[in-house]
Amino acid sequence: MIPVLAGVTDMRSGFNGLAAQAEQVLAGDPYSGRLFLFRGRRGDQIKIIWWNGQVAWLSTKRLERSRFVWPAARGGKISLSRAQLAMLMEGISWRIVQKTWWPSMVR
């Protein structure tokens, strides 16, 4: 299971700020090699941090016309399965199992 911060996160935070939240709120070790996910206030952007033992990795994904489906919060953290993470990253709602938006043409 992948730890996810429940609620919203300041998307201006970089790796160090998000790593501090992972330690304080999620009670996890950001340098353990696990992924940690954070969602912005509008729900259209997520950030993922990961440490592979040598490199701090920060990834951001933003949806243009939709919102990321976020699980209901139970406390300060929630967990996603690998399948839920894969669908989340593709913009697929695991509640309705269909793409939430698909571009009509390439720009």
PDB file of N, CA and C in Angstrom:
ATOM      1  N   MET A   1       0.836  -1.170   0.000  1.00  0.00           N
ATOM      2  CA  MET A   1       0.000   0.000   0.000  1.00  0.00           C
ATOM      3  C   MET A   1       0.889   1.244   0.000  1.00  0.00           C
ATOM      4  N   ILE A   2       0.402   2.284  -0.665  1.00  0.00           N
ATOM      5  CA  ILE A   2       1.150   3.519  -0.823  1.00  0.00           C
ATOM      6  C   ILE A   2       0.556   4.582   0.097  1.00  0.00           C
ATOM      7  N   PRO A   3       1.352   5.189   1.004  1.00  0.00           N
ATOM      8  CA  PRO A   3       0.817   6.203   1.906  1.00  0.00           C
ATOM      9  C   PRO A   3       0.474   7.488   1.168  1.00  0.00           C
ATOM     10  N   VAL A   4      -0.680   8.052   1.501  1.00  0.00           N
ATOM     11  CA  VAL A   4      -1.170   9.271   0.873  1.00  0.00           C
ATOM     12  C   VAL A   4      -1.609  10.222   1.980  1.00  0.00           C
ATOM     13  N   LEU A   5      -1.222  11.489   1.889  1.00  0.00           N
ATOM     14  CA  LEU A   5      -1.640  12.478   2.864  1.00  0.00           C
ATOM     15  C   LEU A   5      -3.096  12.833   2.616  1.00  0.00           C
ATOM     16  N   ALA A   6      -3.939  12.668   3.623  1.00  0.00           N
ATOM     17  CA  ALA A   6      -5.350  13.027   3.513  1.00  0.00           C
ATOM     18  C   ALA A   6      -5.464  14.543   3.543  1.00  0.00           C
ATOM     19  N   GLY A   7      -6.454  15.075   2.862  1.00  0.00           N
ATOM     20  CA  GLY A   7      -6.636  16.517   2.824  1.00  0.00           C
ATOM     21  C   GLY A   7      -5.819  17.142   1.721  1.00  0.00           C
ATOM     22  N   VAL A   8      -5.455  18.412   1.899  1.00  0.00           N
ATOM     23  CA  VAL A   8      -4.756  19.144   0.853  1.00  0.00           C
ATOM     24  C   VAL A   8      -3.353  19.512   1.303  1.00  0.00           C
ATOM     25  N   THR A   9      -2.496  19.743   0.324  1.00  0.00           N
ATOM     26  CA  THR A   9      -1.095  20.081   0.551  1.00  0.00           C
ATOM     27  C   THR A   9      -0.765  21.332  -0.240  1.00  0.00           C
ATOM     28  N   ASP A  10       0.114  22.158   0.287  1.00  0.00           N
ATOM     29  CA  ASP A  10       0.601  23.331  -0.425  1.00  0.00           C
ATOM     30  C   ASP A  10       1.484  22.840  -1.574  1.00  0.00           C
ATOM     31  N   MET A  11       1.051  23.033  -2.785  1.00  0.00           N
ATOM     32  CA  MET A  11       1.777  22.516  -3.947  1.00  0.00           C
ATOM     33  C   MET A  11       3.029  23.321  -4.264  1.00  0.00           C
ATOM     34  N   ARG A  12       3.300  24.371  -3.502  1.00  0.00           N
ATOM     35  CA  ARG A  12       4.555  25.097  -3.680  1.00  0.00           C
ATOM     36  C   ARG A  12       5.709  24.371  -2.997  1.00  0.00           C
ATOM     37  N   SER A  13       5.410  23.386  -2.157  1.00  0.00           N
ATOM     38  CA  SER A  13       6.436  22.636  -1.421  1.00  0.00           C
ATOM     39  C   SER A  13       7.280  21.801  -2.367  1.00  0.00           C
ATOM     40  N   GLY A  14       8.561  21.747  -2.073  1.00  0.00           N
ATOM     41  CA  GLY A  14       9.479  20.895  -2.814  1.00  0.00           C
ATOM     42  C   GLY A  14       9.686  19.575  -2.084  1.00  0.00           C
ATOM     43  N   PHE A  15      10.722  18.850  -2.470  1.00  0.00           N
ATOM     44  CA  PHE A  15      10.980  17.546  -1.858  1.00  0.00           C
ATOM     45  C   PHE A  15      11.149  17.652  -0.349  1.00  0.00           C
ATOM     46  N   ASN A  16      11.947  18.619   0.126  1.00  0.00           N
ATOM     47  CA  ASN A  16      12.226  18.718   1.560  1.00  0.00           C
ATOM     48  C   ASN A  16      10.964  19.014   2.364  1.00  0.00           C
ATOM     49  N   GLY A  17      10.124  19.909   1.893  1.00  0.00           N
ATOM     50  CA  GLY A  17       8.872  20.230   2.591  1.00  0.00           C
ATOM     51  C   GLY A  17       7.919  19.054   2.616  1.00  0.00           C
ATOM     52  N   LEU A  18       7.817  18.350   1.497  1.00  0.00           N
ATOM     53  CA  LEU A  18       6.938  17.180   1.437  1.00  0.00           C
ATOM     54  C   LEU A  18       7.500  16.024   2.265  1.00  0.00           C
ATOM     55  N   ALA A  19       8.828  15.885   2.291  1.00  0.00           N
ATOM     56  CA  ALA A  19       9.451  14.845   3.117  1.00  0.00           C
ATOM     57  C   ALA A  19       9.170  15.112   4.595  1.00  0.00           C
ATOM     58  N   ALA A  20       9.189  16.376   4.998  1.00  0.00           N
ATOM     59  CA  ALA A  20       8.878  16.724   6.383  1.00  0.00           C
ATOM     60  C   ALA A  20       7.433  16.359   6.712  1.00  0.00           C
ATOM     61  N   GLN A  21       6.510  16.605   5.779  1.00  0.00           N
ATOM     62  CA  GLN A  21       5.115  16.227   6.000  1.00  0.00           C
ATOM     63  C   GLN A  21       4.970  14.711   6.076  1.00  0.00           C
ATOM     64  N   ALA A  22       5.715  14.002   5.253  1.00  0.00           N
ATOM     65  CA  ALA A  22       5.658  12.534   5.283  1.00  0.00           C
ATOM     66  C   ALA A  22       6.084  12.020   6.653  1.00  0.00           C
ATOM     67  N   GLU A  23       7.098  12.652   7.236  1.00  0.00           N
ATOM     68  CA  GLU A  23       7.565  12.242   8.564  1.00  0.00           C
ATOM     69  C   GLU A  23       6.576  12.631   9.658  1.00  0.00           C
ATOM     70  N   GLN A  24       6.112  13.877   9.630  1.00  0.00           N
ATOM     71  CA  GLN A  24       5.292  14.390  10.724  1.00  0.00           C
ATOM     72  C   GLN A  24       3.845  13.916  10.669  1.00  0.00           C
ATOM     73  N   VAL A  25       3.218  13.988   9.504  1.00  0.00           N
ATOM     74  CA  VAL A  25       1.794  13.676   9.392  1.00  0.00           C
ATOM     75  C   VAL A  25       1.567  12.199   9.096  1.00  0.00           C
ATOM     76  N   LEU A  26       2.337  11.646   8.177  1.00  0.00           N
ATOM     77  CA  LEU A  26       2.147  10.253   7.785  1.00  0.00           C
ATOM     78  C   LEU A  26       2.919   9.286   8.679  1.00  0.00           C
ATOM     79  N   ALA A  27       3.781   9.813   9.543  1.00  0.00           N
ATOM     80  CA  ALA A  27       4.619   8.991  10.417  1.00  0.00           C
ATOM     81  C   ALA A  27       5.396   7.951   9.612  1.00  0.00           C
ATOM     82  N   GLY A  28       5.883   8.392   8.465  1.00  0.00           N
ATOM     83  CA  GLY A  28       6.647   7.507   7.592  1.00  0.00           C
ATOM     84  C   GLY A  28       8.050   8.035   7.378  1.00  0.00           C
ATOM     85  N   ASP A  29       8.901   7.206   6.863  1.00  0.00           N
ATOM     86  CA  ASP A  29      10.277   7.586   6.562  1.00  0.00           C
ATOM     87  C   ASP A  29      10.378   7.896   5.071  1.00  0.00           C
ATOM     88  N   PRO A  30      10.528   9.174   4.698  1.00  0.00           N
ATOM     89  CA  PRO A  30      10.592   9.520   3.273  1.00  0.00           C
ATOM     90  C   PRO A  30      11.830   8.964   2.575  1.00  0.00           C
ATOM     91  N   TYR A  31      12.787   8.473   3.329  1.00  0.00           N
ATOM     92  CA  TYR A  31      14.011   7.901   2.759  1.00  0.00           C
ATOM     93  C   TYR A  31      13.995   6.376   2.808  1.00  0.00           C
ATOM     94  N   SER A  32      12.802   5.798   2.911  1.00  0.00           N
ATOM     95  CA  SER A  32      12.657   4.344   3.008  1.00  0.00           C
ATOM     96  C   SER A  32      12.557   3.664   1.645  1.00  0.00           C
ATOM     97  N   GLY A  33      12.382   4.441   0.586  1.00  0.00           N
ATOM     98  CA  GLY A  33      12.198   3.860  -0.740  1.00  0.00           C
ATOM     99  C   GLY A  33      10.733   3.716  -1.120  1.00  0.00           C
ATOM    100  N   ARG A  34       9.814   4.124  -0.249  1.00  0.00           N
ATOM    101  CA  ARG A  34       8.377   4.069  -0.549  1.00  0.00           C
ATOM    102  C   ARG A  34       7.941   5.367  -1.233  1.00  0.00           C
ATOM    103  N   LEU A  35       6.879   5.298  -2.010  1.00  0.00           N
ATOM    104  CA  LEU A  35       6.285   6.476  -2.618  1.00  0.00           C
ATOM    105  C   LEU A  35       5.377   7.166  -1.606  1.00  0.00           C
ATOM    106  N   PHE A  36       5.330   8.499  -1.651  1.00  0.00           N
ATOM    107  CA  PHE A  36       4.399   9.282  -0.842  1.00  0.00           C
ATOM    108  C   PHE A  36       3.675  10.245  -1.772  1.00  0.00           C
ATOM    109  N   LEU A  37       2.344  10.271  -1.703  1.00  0.00           N
ATOM    110  CA  LEU A  37       1.520  11.104  -2.580  1.00  0.00           C
ATOM    111  C   LEU A  37       0.881  12.246  -1.819  1.00  0.00           C
ATOM    112  N   PHE A  38       0.752  13.399  -2.506  1.00  0.00           N
ATOM    113  CA  PHE A  38       0.149  14.600  -1.948  1.00  0.00           C
ATOM    114  C   PHE A  38      -0.742  15.231  -3.014  1.00  0.00           C
ATOM    115  N   ARG A  39      -1.888  15.797  -2.596  1.00  0.00           N
ATOM    116  CA  ARG A  39      -2.821  16.417  -3.539  1.00  0.00           C
ATOM    117  C   ARG A  39      -2.992  17.887  -3.218  1.00  0.00           C
ATOM    118  N   GLY A  40      -3.124  18.704  -4.267  1.00  0.00           N
ATOM    119  CA  GLY A  40      -3.350  20.128  -4.097  1.00  0.00           C
ATOM    120  C   GLY A  40      -4.794  20.445  -3.734  1.00  0.00           C
ATOM    121  N   ARG A  41      -5.047  21.697  -3.369  1.00  0.00           N
ATOM    122  CA  ARG A  41      -6.365  22.138  -2.911  1.00  0.00           C
ATOM    123  C   ARG A  41      -7.453  21.935  -3.966  1.00  0.00           C
ATOM    124  N   ARG A  42      -7.175  22.275  -5.207  1.00  0.00           N
ATOM    125  CA  ARG A  42      -8.189  22.154  -6.266  1.00  0.00           C
ATOM    126  C   ARG A  42      -8.430  20.712  -6.700  1.00  0.00           C
ATOM    127  N   GLY A  43      -7.504  19.820  -6.357  1.00  0.00           N
ATOM    128  CA  GLY A  43      -7.668  18.412  -6.714  1.00  0.00           C
ATOM    129  C   GLY A  43      -7.226  18.081  -8.125  1.00  0.00           C
ATOM    130  N   ASP A  44      -6.650  19.058  -8.835  1.00  0.00           N
ATOM    131  CA  ASP A  44      -6.215  18.797 -10.206  1.00  0.00           C
ATOM    132  C   ASP A  44      -4.716  18.522 -10.306  1.00  0.00           C
ATOM    133  N   GLN A  45      -4.015  18.527  -9.165  1.00  0.00           N
ATOM    134  CA  GLN A  45      -2.569  18.319  -9.176  1.00  0.00           C
ATOM    135  C   GLN A  45      -2.170  17.402  -8.031  1.00  0.00           C
ATOM    136  N   ILE A  46      -1.230  16.488  -8.321  1.00  0.00           N
ATOM    137  CA  ILE A  46      -0.653  15.649  -7.278  1.00  0.00           C
ATOM    138  C   ILE A  46       0.871  15.713  -7.388  1.00  0.00           C
ATOM    139  N   LYS A  47       1.525  15.463  -6.266  1.00  0.00           N
ATOM    140  CA  LYS A  47       2.980  15.349  -6.234  1.00  0.00           C
ATOM    141  C   LYS A  47       3.322  14.026  -5.578  1.00  0.00           C
ATOM    142  N   ILE A  48       4.375  13.398  -6.090  1.00  0.00           N
ATOM    143  CA  ILE A  48       4.875  12.141  -5.558  1.00  0.00           C
ATOM    144  C   ILE A  48       6.343  12.343  -5.217  1.00  0.00           C
ATOM    145  N   ILE A  49       6.724  11.923  -4.001  1.00  0.00           N
ATOM    146  CA  ILE A  49       8.145  11.937  -3.664  1.00  0.00           C
ATOM    147  C   ILE A  49       8.611  10.501  -3.459  1.00  0.00           C
ATOM    148  N   TRP A  50       9.883  10.288  -3.761  1.00  0.00           N
ATOM    149  CA  TRP A  50      10.477   8.953  -3.647  1.00  0.00           C
ATOM    150  C   TRP A  50      11.980   9.112  -3.501  1.00  0.00           C
ATOM    151  N   TRP A  51      12.577   8.299  -2.672  1.00  0.00           N
ATOM    152  CA  TRP A  51      14.024   8.273  -2.486  1.00  0.00           C
ATOM    153  C   TRP A  51      14.509   6.886  -2.862  1.00  0.00           C
ATOM    154  N   ASN A  52      15.451   6.789  -3.805  1.00  0.00           N
ATOM    155  CA  ASN A  52      15.910   5.475  -4.249  1.00  0.00           C
ATOM    156  C   ASN A  52      17.235   5.061  -3.607  1.00  0.00           C
ATOM    157  N   GLY A  53      17.663   5.776  -2.585  1.00  0.00           N
ATOM    158  CA  GLY A  53      18.917   5.456  -1.924  1.00  0.00           C
ATOM    159  C   GLY A  53      20.044   6.381  -2.324  1.00  0.00           C
ATOM    160  N   GLN A  54      19.897   7.030  -3.486  1.00  0.00           N
ATOM    161  CA  GLN A  54      20.913   7.963  -3.971  1.00  0.00           C
ATOM    162  C   GLN A  54      20.311   9.282  -4.430  1.00  0.00           C
ATOM    163  N   VAL A  55      19.094   9.232  -4.934  1.00  0.00           N
ATOM    164  CA  VAL A  55      18.486  10.406  -5.564  1.00  0.00           C
ATOM    165  C   VAL A  55      17.115  10.683  -4.956  1.00  0.00           C
ATOM    166  N   ALA A  56      16.864  11.966  -4.647  1.00  0.00           N
ATOM    167  CA  ALA A  56      15.533  12.404  -4.221  1.00  0.00           C
ATOM    168  C   ALA A  56      14.734  12.709  -5.485  1.00  0.00           C
ATOM    169  N   TRP A  57      13.581  12.080  -5.625  1.00  0.00           N
ATOM    170  CA  TRP A  57      12.775  12.179  -6.834  1.00  0.00           C
ATOM    171  C   TRP A  57      11.453  12.854  -6.493  1.00  0.00           C
ATOM    172  N   LEU A  58      11.093  13.907  -7.228  1.00  0.00           N
ATOM    173  CA  LEU A  58       9.831  14.618  -7.049  1.00  0.00           C
ATOM    174  C   LEU A  58       9.142  14.689  -8.397  1.00  0.00           C
ATOM    175  N   SER A  59       7.907  14.217  -8.439  1.00  0.00           N
ATOM    176  CA  SER A  59       7.145  14.224  -9.683  1.00  0.00           C
ATOM    177  C   SER A  59       5.832  14.961  -9.447  1.00  0.00           C
ATOM    178  N   THR A  60       5.425  15.733 -10.444  1.00  0.00           N
ATOM    179  CA  THR A  60       4.155  16.463 -10.384  1.00  0.00           C
ATOM    180  C   THR A  60       3.321  16.074 -11.587  1.00  0.00           C
ATOM    181  N   LYS A  61       2.037  15.868 -11.353  1.00  0.00           N
ATOM    182  CA  LYS A  61       1.120  15.597 -12.458  1.00  0.00           C
ATOM    183  C   LYS A  61      -0.105  16.483 -12.268  1.00  0.00           C
ATOM    184  N   ARG A  62      -0.519  17.131 -13.362  1.00  0.00           N
ATOM    185  CA  ARG A  62      -1.669  18.023 -13.312  1.00  0.00           C
ATOM    186  C   ARG A  62      -2.641  17.643 -14.410  1.00  0.00           C
ATOM    187  N   LEU A  63      -3.924  17.592 -14.063  1.00  0.00           N
ATOM    188  CA  LEU A  63      -4.973  17.337 -15.050  1.00  0.00           C
ATOM    189  C   LEU A  63      -5.494  18.670 -15.559  1.00  0.00           C
ATOM    190  N   GLU A  64      -5.716  18.767 -16.837  1.00  0.00           N
ATOM    191  CA  GLU A  64      -6.174  20.014 -17.442  1.00  0.00           C
ATOM    192  C   GLU A  64      -7.655  20.281 -17.223  1.00  0.00           C
ATOM    193  N   ARG A  65      -8.489  19.226 -17.271  1.00  0.00           N
ATOM    194  CA  ARG A  65      -9.925  19.464 -17.276  1.00  0.00           C
ATOM    195  C   ARG A  65     -10.702  18.624 -16.277  1.00  0.00           C
ATOM    196  N   SER A  66     -10.049  18.105 -15.297  1.00  0.00           N
ATOM    197  CA  SER A  66     -10.732  17.215 -14.376  1.00  0.00           C
ATOM    198  C   SER A  66     -10.064  17.275 -13.012  1.00  0.00           C
ATOM    199  N   ARG A  67     -10.470  16.429 -12.118  1.00  0.00           N
ATOM    200  CA  ARG A  67      -9.906  16.322 -10.776  1.00  0.00           C
ATOM    201  C   ARG A  67      -9.479  14.879 -10.539  1.00  0.00           C
ATOM    202  N   PHE A  68      -8.440  14.716  -9.720  1.00  0.00           N
ATOM    203  CA  PHE A  68      -8.025  13.376  -9.337  1.00  0.00           C
ATOM    204  C   PHE A  68      -9.038  12.805  -8.350  1.00  0.00           C
ATOM    205  N   VAL A  69      -9.401  11.558  -8.546  1.00  0.00           N
ATOM    206  CA  VAL A  69     -10.294  10.876  -7.619  1.00  0.00           C
ATOM    207  C   VAL A  69      -9.466  10.542  -6.392  1.00  0.00           C
ATOM    208  N   TRP A  70      -9.932  10.994  -5.249  1.00  0.00           N
ATOM    209  CA  TRP A  70      -9.183  10.838  -4.013  1.00  0.00           C
ATOM    210  C   TRP A  70      -9.984   9.998  -3.041  1.00  0.00           C
ATOM    211  N   PRO A  71      -9.390   9.003  -2.424  1.00  0.00           N
ATOM    212  CA  PRO A  71     -10.131   8.168  -1.469  1.00  0.00           C
ATOM    213  C   PRO A  71     -10.597   8.980  -0.256  1.00  0.00           C
ATOM    214  N   ALA A  72     -11.643   8.509   0.401  1.00  0.00           N
ATOM    215  CA  ALA A  72     -12.143   9.157   1.612  1.00  0.00           C
ATOM    216  C   ALA A  72     -11.086   9.085   2.710  1.00  0.00           C
ATOM    217  N   ALA A  73     -10.956  10.164   3.467  1.00  0.00           N
ATOM    218  CA  ALA A  73      -9.922  10.246   4.498  1.00  0.00           C
ATOM    219  C   ALA A  73     -10.377   9.595   5.797  1.00  0.00           C
ATOM    220  N   ARG A  74      -9.491   8.818   6.377  1.00  0.00           N
ATOM    221  CA  ARG A  74      -9.676   8.249   7.709  1.00  0.00           C
ATOM    222  C   ARG A  74      -8.452   8.640   8.524  1.00  0.00           C
ATOM    223  N   GLY A  75      -8.524   9.756   9.221  1.00  0.00           N
ATOM    224  CA  GLY A  75      -7.360  10.238   9.956  1.00  0.00           C
ATOM    225  C   GLY A  75      -6.480  11.084   9.057  1.00  0.00           C
ATOM    226  N   GLY A  76      -5.188  11.165   9.393  1.00  0.00           N
ATOM    227  CA  GLY A  76      -4.264  12.005   8.657  1.00  0.00           C
ATOM    228  C   GLY A  76      -3.705  11.378   7.399  1.00  0.00           C
ATOM    229  N   LYS A  77      -3.917  10.066   7.244  1.00  0.00           N
ATOM    230  CA  LYS A  77      -3.374   9.428   6.049  1.00  0.00           C
ATOM    231  C   LYS A  77      -4.323   8.354   5.542  1.00  0.00           C
ATOM    232  N   ILE A  78      -4.139   8.044   4.277  1.00  0.00           N
ATOM    233  CA  ILE A  78      -4.888   6.983   3.613  1.00  0.00           C
ATOM    234  C   ILE A  78      -3.886   6.162   2.814  1.00  0.00           C
ATOM    235  N   SER A  79      -4.308   5.037   2.298  1.00  0.00           N
ATOM    236  CA  SER A  79      -3.422   4.190   1.507  1.00  0.00           C
ATOM    237  C   SER A  79      -4.086   3.826   0.196  1.00  0.00           C
ATOM    238  N   LEU A  80      -3.274   3.718  -0.839  1.00  0.00           N
ATOM    239  CA  LEU A  80      -3.735   3.298  -2.160  1.00  0.00           C
ATOM    240  C   LEU A  80      -3.080   1.975  -2.514  1.00  0.00           C
ATOM    241  N   SER A  81      -3.814   1.147  -3.226  1.00  0.00           N
ATOM    242  CA  SER A  81      -3.213  -0.066  -3.773  1.00  0.00           C
ATOM    243  C   SER A  81      -2.447   0.310  -5.041  1.00  0.00           C
ATOM    244  N   ARG A  82      -1.670  -0.587  -5.558  1.00  0.00           N
ATOM    245  CA  ARG A  82      -0.947  -0.326  -6.820  1.00  0.00           C
ATOM    246  C   ARG A  82      -1.920  -0.078  -7.964  1.00  0.00           C
ATOM    247  N   ALA A  83      -3.021  -0.824  -7.987  1.00  0.00           N
ATOM    248  CA  ALA A  83      -4.026  -0.648  -9.042  1.00  0.00           C
ATOM    249  C   ALA A  83      -4.669   0.729  -8.951  1.00  0.00           C
ATOM    250  N   GLN A  84      -4.994   1.172  -7.726  1.00  0.00           N
ATOM    251  CA  GLN A  84      -5.578   2.501  -7.551  1.00  0.00           C
ATOM    252  C   GLN A  84      -4.593   3.581  -7.968  1.00  0.00           C
ATOM    253  N   LEU A  85      -3.311   3.414  -7.640  1.00  0.00           N
ATOM    254  CA  LEU A  85      -2.299   4.381  -8.052  1.00  0.00           C
ATOM    255  C   LEU A  85      -2.201   4.443  -9.568  1.00  0.00           C
ATOM    256  N   ALA A  86      -2.199   3.303 -10.230  1.00  0.00           N
ATOM    257  CA  ALA A  86      -2.119   3.271 -11.694  1.00  0.00           C
ATOM    258  C   ALA A  86      -3.312   3.996 -12.312  1.00  0.00           C
ATOM    259  N   MET A  87      -4.512   3.759 -11.792  1.00  0.00           N
ATOM    260  CA  MET A  87      -5.690   4.439 -12.322  1.00  0.00           C
ATOM    261  C   MET A  87      -5.657   5.924 -12.007  1.00  0.00           C
ATOM    262  N   LEU A  88      -5.206   6.288 -10.806  1.00  0.00           N
ATOM    263  CA  LEU A  88      -5.093   7.688 -10.432  1.00  0.00           C
ATOM    264  C   LEU A  88      -4.169   8.426 -11.387  1.00  0.00           C
ATOM    265  N   MET A  89      -3.012   7.840 -11.685  1.00  0.00           N
ATOM    266  CA  MET A  89      -2.038   8.483 -12.565  1.00  0.00           C
ATOM    267  C   MET A  89      -2.540   8.613 -13.994  1.00  0.00           C
ATOM    268  N   GLU A  90      -3.454   7.750 -14.416  1.00  0.00           N
ATOM    269  CA  GLU A  90      -4.021   7.828 -15.757  1.00  0.00           C
ATOM    270  C   GLU A  90      -5.263   8.708 -15.823  1.00  0.00           C
ATOM    271  N   GLY A  91      -5.692   9.248 -14.680  1.00  0.00           N
ATOM    272  CA  GLY A  91      -6.892  10.076 -14.659  1.00  0.00           C
ATOM    273  C   GLY A  91      -8.168   9.263 -14.708  1.00  0.00           C
ATOM    274  N   ILE A  92      -8.091   8.004 -14.310  1.00  0.00           N
ATOM    275  CA  ILE A  92      -9.251   7.116 -14.329  1.00  0.00           C
ATOM    276  C   ILE A  92      -9.851   7.071 -12.932  1.00  0.00           C
ATOM    277  N   SER A  93     -11.159   7.197 -12.855  1.00  0.00           N
ATOM    278  CA  SER A  93     -11.839   7.061 -11.582  1.00  0.00           C
ATOM    279  C   SER A  93     -12.057   5.585 -11.305  1.00  0.00           C
ATOM    280  N   TRP A  94     -11.543   5.073 -10.187  1.00  0.00           N
ATOM    281  CA  TRP A  94     -11.757   3.659  -9.882  1.00  0.00           C
ATOM    282  C   TRP A  94     -13.167   3.422  -9.380  1.00  0.00           C
ATOM    283  N   ARG A  95     -13.930   4.493  -9.165  1.00  0.00           N
ATOM    284  CA  ARG A  95     -15.331   4.341  -8.765  1.00  0.00           C
ATOM    285  C   ARG A  95     -16.225   4.039  -9.962  1.00  0.00           C
ATOM    286  N   ILE A  96     -15.917   4.662 -11.127  1.00  0.00           N
ATOM    287  CA  ILE A  96     -16.755   4.456 -12.314  1.00  0.00           C
ATOM    288  C   ILE A  96     -16.010   3.732 -13.431  1.00  0.00           C
ATOM    289  N   VAL A  97     -14.739   3.477 -13.256  1.00  0.00           N
ATOM    290  CA  VAL A  97     -13.878   2.746 -14.185  1.00  0.00           C
ATOM    291  C   VAL A  97     -14.017   3.230 -15.623  1.00  0.00           C
ATOM    292  N   GLN A  98     -13.784   4.517 -15.803  1.00  0.00           N
ATOM    293  CA  GLN A  98     -13.711   5.104 -17.134  1.00  0.00           C
ATOM    294  C   GLN A  98     -12.841   6.347 -17.056  1.00  0.00           C
ATOM    295  N   LYS A  99     -12.272   6.748 -18.179  1.00  0.00           N
ATOM    296  CA  LYS A  99     -11.459   7.956 -18.208  1.00  0.00           C
ATOM    297  C   LYS A  99     -12.335   9.143 -17.825  1.00  0.00           C
ATOM    298  N   THR A 100     -11.794  10.039 -16.996  1.00  0.00           N
ATOM    299  CA  THR A 100     -12.566  11.205 -16.593  1.00  0.00           C
ATOM    300  C   THR A 100     -12.550  12.293 -17.667  1.00  0.00           C
ATOM    301  N   TRP A 101     -11.563  12.256 -18.557  1.00  0.00           N
ATOM    302  CA  TRP A 101     -11.483  13.224 -19.649  1.00  0.00           C
ATOM    303  C   TRP A 101     -10.511  12.693 -20.679  1.00  0.00           C
ATOM    304  N   TRP A 102     -10.812  12.893 -21.935  1.00  0.00           N
ATOM    305  CA  TRP A 102      -9.939  12.482 -23.012  1.00  0.00           C
ATOM    306  C   TRP A 102      -9.862  13.635 -24.015  1.00  0.00           C
ATOM    307  N   PRO A 103      -8.678  14.037 -24.460  1.00  0.00           N
ATOM    308  CA  PRO A 103      -8.581  15.181 -25.378  1.00  0.00           C
ATOM    309  C   PRO A 103      -9.264  14.881 -26.714  1.00  0.00           C
ATOM    310  N   SER A 104      -9.933  15.891 -27.254  1.00  0.00           N
ATOM    311  CA  SER A 104     -10.627  15.698 -28.524  1.00  0.00           C
ATOM    312  C   SER A 104      -9.673  15.787 -29.706  1.00  0.00           C
ATOM    313  N   MET A 105      -8.552  16.512 -29.537  1.00  0.00           N
ATOM    314  CA  MET A 105      -7.548  16.586 -30.596  1.00  0.00           C
ATOM    315  C   MET A 105      -6.215  16.997 -30.001  1.00  0.00           C
ATOM    316  N   VAL A 106      -5.151  16.721 -30.707  1.00  0.00           N
ATOM    317  CA  VAL A 106      -3.819  17.077 -30.266  1.00  0.00           C
ATOM    318  C   VAL A 106      -3.561  18.527 -30.627  1.00  0.00           C
ATOM    319  N   ARG A 107      -2.967  19.256 -29.695  1.00  0.00           N
ATOM    320  CA  ARG A 107      -2.674  20.677 -29.974  1.00  0.00           C
ATOM    321  C   ARG A 107      -1.419  20.818 -30.773  1.00  0.00           C
TER     322      ARG A 107
END
